[in-house]
Each structure stands twice: as C-alpha cells, then as structure tokens.
Amino acid sequence: MIRFAFTLLIVGVLVFLGATVKLGKRTFFGHVSAIWSTDEAKDMREGVSEKAKPALEKVKRGVEAGYKEATKDETGDAGPAAPAR
C-alpha cells in the first residue's frame, strides 16, 4: 500500500512538473503536443493504423466470438432451476 501511494505521488509530481515548468517556449507536454501535430507524426499514425488494422479486427472478432460463446444458452439441460423456498 505504501509503495502504491509513493508511486502515485511520484507520478502526480511528474505530471504537475510536465504541465507547469517551461522548457524553453513550452512545457514538456507542450513540446509533446507540438511534435505530435507535425506532418511526420501524422504520417506515422496513419501508417501504424493501416498496419495494425488487420490485427485489431482479428482481436475484435476473437473477443466477440468469446463473448458469444460465454453467453450462449446451454442446450439439452433440464431447464431453469427450481426456485428456493
């Protein structure tokens, strides 16, 4: 529990510093935002999206099939259980 609280405190401090401390013209998050909006980064996101789409569809179909299998009614059982008295 103490380790979790300490980790949460460190993450909170890093987020606060990244959002408030200027590193030149921008904060750390400002630099990340500026980099993320460049044409090269947009091209990278589009490329990753195109390459990952088949894998994402396969995972989605697997999850849907698993959900369908887990929630289907069992056939051949004796019906619903009798209510408890």
C-alpha atoms as a PDB file:
ATOM      1  CA  MET A   1       0.000   0.000   0.000  1.00  0.00           C
ATOM      2  CA  ILE A   2       2.836   2.375   0.855  1.00  0.00           C
ATOM      3  CA  ARG A   3       4.609   1.556  -2.423  1.00  0.00           C
ATOM      4  CA  PHE A   4       1.410   2.336  -4.373  1.00  0.00           C
ATOM      5  CA  ALA A   5       0.948   5.668  -2.558  1.00  0.00           C
ATOM      6  CA  PHE A   6       4.594   6.578  -3.175  1.00  0.00           C
ATOM      7  CA  THR A   7       4.314   5.684  -6.873  1.00  0.00           C
ATOM      8  CA  LEU A   8       1.100   7.698  -7.175  1.00  0.00           C
ATOM      9  CA  LEU A   9       2.805  10.674  -5.512  1.00  0.00           C
ATOM     10  CA  ILE A  10       5.782  10.488  -7.907  1.00  0.00           C
ATOM     11  CA  VAL A  11       3.506  10.243 -10.959  1.00  0.00           C
ATOM     12  CA  GLY A  12       1.477  13.200  -9.692  1.00  0.00           C
ATOM     13  CA  VAL A  13       4.598  15.321  -9.197  1.00  0.00           C
ATOM     14  CA  LEU A  14       5.884  14.437 -12.695  1.00  0.00           C
ATOM     15  CA  VAL A  15       2.537  15.324 -14.278  1.00  0.00           C
ATOM     16  CA  PHE A  16       2.449  18.615 -12.379  1.00  0.00           C
ATOM     17  CA  LEU A  17       6.009  19.497 -13.411  1.00  0.00           C
ATOM     18  CA  GLY A  18       5.409  18.428 -17.019  1.00  0.00           C
ATOM     19  CA  ALA A  19       2.395  20.708 -17.218  1.00  0.00           C
ATOM     20  CA  THR A  20       3.827  23.777 -15.456  1.00  0.00           C
ATOM     21  CA  VAL A  21       7.615  24.030 -15.843  1.00  0.00           C
ATOM     22  CA  LYS A  22       8.704  25.785 -19.044  1.00  0.00           C
ATOM     23  CA  LEU A  23      11.426  24.146 -21.114  1.00  0.00           C
ATOM     24  CA  GLY A  24      12.189  26.999 -23.466  1.00  0.00           C
ATOM     25  CA  LYS A  25       8.980  28.316 -25.034  1.00  0.00           C
ATOM     26  CA  ARG A  26       6.799  25.402 -23.950  1.00  0.00           C
ATOM     27  CA  THR A  27       6.231  22.959 -21.137  1.00  0.00           C
ATOM     28  CA  PHE A  28       7.108  19.283 -21.602  1.00  0.00           C
ATOM     29  CA  PHE A  29       3.527  18.490 -22.590  1.00  0.00           C
ATOM     30  CA  GLY A  30       3.533  21.477 -24.944  1.00  0.00           C
ATOM     31  CA  HIS A  31       6.579  20.067 -26.721  1.00  0.00           C
ATOM     32  CA  VAL A  32       4.952  16.632 -26.965  1.00  0.00           C
ATOM     33  CA  SER A  33       1.810  18.207 -28.384  1.00  0.00           C
ATOM     34  CA  ALA A  34       3.801  20.215 -30.942  1.00  0.00           C
ATOM     35  CA  ILE A  35       5.722  17.117 -32.035  1.00  0.00           C
ATOM     36  CA  TRP A  36       2.554  15.021 -32.213  1.00  0.00           C
ATOM     37  CA  SER A  37       0.918  17.529 -34.589  1.00  0.00           C
ATOM     38  CA  THR A  38       3.726  17.544 -37.184  1.00  0.00           C
ATOM     39  CA  ASP A  39       3.162  16.064 -40.641  1.00  0.00           C
ATOM     40  CA  GLU A  40       5.700  13.312 -39.954  1.00  0.00           C
ATOM     41  CA  ALA A  41       3.872  12.228 -36.815  1.00  0.00           C
ATOM     42  CA  LYS A  42       0.560  12.229 -38.698  1.00  0.00           C
ATOM     43  CA  ASP A  43       2.116  10.028 -41.391  1.00  0.00           C
ATOM     44  CA  MET A  44       3.418   7.692 -38.692  1.00  0.00           C
ATOM     45  CA  ARG A  45      -0.012   7.421 -37.037  1.00  0.00           C
ATOM     46  CA  GLU A  46      -1.659   6.665 -40.387  1.00  0.00           C
ATOM     47  CA  GLY A  47       0.958   4.020 -41.201  1.00  0.00           C
ATOM     48  CA  VAL A  48       0.608   2.345 -37.836  1.00  0.00           C
ATOM     49  CA  SER A  49      -3.169   2.421 -38.175  1.00  0.00           C
ATOM     50  CA  GLU A  50      -3.017   0.751 -41.598  1.00  0.00           C
ATOM     51  CA  LYS A  51      -0.626  -1.960 -40.405  1.00  0.00           C
ATOM     52  CA  ALA A  52      -2.482  -2.612 -37.144  1.00  0.00           C
ATOM     53  CA  LYS A  53      -5.990  -2.701 -38.633  1.00  0.00           C
ATOM     54  CA  PRO A  54      -5.935  -6.435 -39.604  1.00  0.00           C
ATOM     55  CA  ALA A  55      -4.627  -7.432 -36.173  1.00  0.00           C
ATOM     56  CA  LEU A  56      -7.191  -5.228 -34.455  1.00  0.00           C
ATOM     57  CA  GLU A  57     -10.016  -6.766 -36.495  1.00  0.00           C
ATOM     58  CA  LYS A  58      -8.779 -10.277 -35.633  1.00  0.00           C
ATOM     59  CA  VAL A  59      -8.694  -9.459 -31.918  1.00  0.00           C
ATOM     60  CA  LYS A  60     -12.147  -7.877 -32.145  1.00  0.00           C
ATOM     61  CA  ARG A  61     -13.579 -10.989 -33.845  1.00  0.00           C
ATOM     62  CA  GLY A  62     -11.960 -13.189 -31.196  1.00  0.00           C
ATOM     63  CA  VAL A  63     -13.394 -11.160 -28.340  1.00  0.00           C
ATOM     64  CA  GLU A  64     -16.849 -11.159 -29.925  1.00  0.00           C
ATOM     65  CA  ALA A  65     -16.691 -14.929 -30.503  1.00  0.00           C
ATOM     66  CA  GLY A  66     -15.566 -15.490 -26.916  1.00  0.00           C
ATOM     67  CA  TYR A  67     -18.347 -13.301 -25.575  1.00  0.00           C
ATOM     68  CA  LYS A  68     -20.905 -15.068 -27.757  1.00  0.00           C
ATOM     69  CA  GLU A  69     -19.653 -18.479 -26.588  1.00  0.00           C
ATOM     70  CA  ALA A  70     -19.655 -17.432 -22.935  1.00  0.00           C
ATOM     71  CA  THR A  71     -23.193 -16.022 -23.043  1.00  0.00           C
ATOM     72  CA  LYS A  72     -24.965 -18.609 -25.188  1.00  0.00           C
ATOM     73  CA  ASP A  73     -27.646 -20.775 -23.646  1.00  0.00           C
ATOM     74  CA  GLU A  74     -26.765 -24.384 -22.951  1.00  0.00           C
ATOM     75  CA  THR A  75     -28.941 -26.777 -24.934  1.00  0.00           C
ATOM     76  CA  GLY A  76     -30.035 -30.090 -23.533  1.00  0.00           C
ATOM     77  CA  ASP A  77     -30.238 -29.045 -19.905  1.00  0.00           C
ATOM     78  CA  ALA A  78     -33.267 -29.654 -17.703  1.00  0.00           C
ATOM     79  CA  GLY A  79     -34.352 -26.046 -17.844  1.00  0.00           C
ATOM     80  CA  PRO A  80     -34.163 -23.417 -15.146  1.00  0.00           C
ATOM     81  CA  ALA A  81     -33.547 -24.492 -11.590  1.00  0.00           C
ATOM     82  CA  ALA A  82     -36.474 -24.697  -9.233  1.00  0.00           C
ATOM     83  CA  PRO A  83     -36.899 -21.620  -7.023  1.00  0.00           C
ATOM     84  CA  ALA A  84     -35.569 -21.932  -3.469  1.00  0.00           C
ATOM     85  CA  ARG A  85     -38.106 -21.961  -0.695  1.00  0.00           C
END
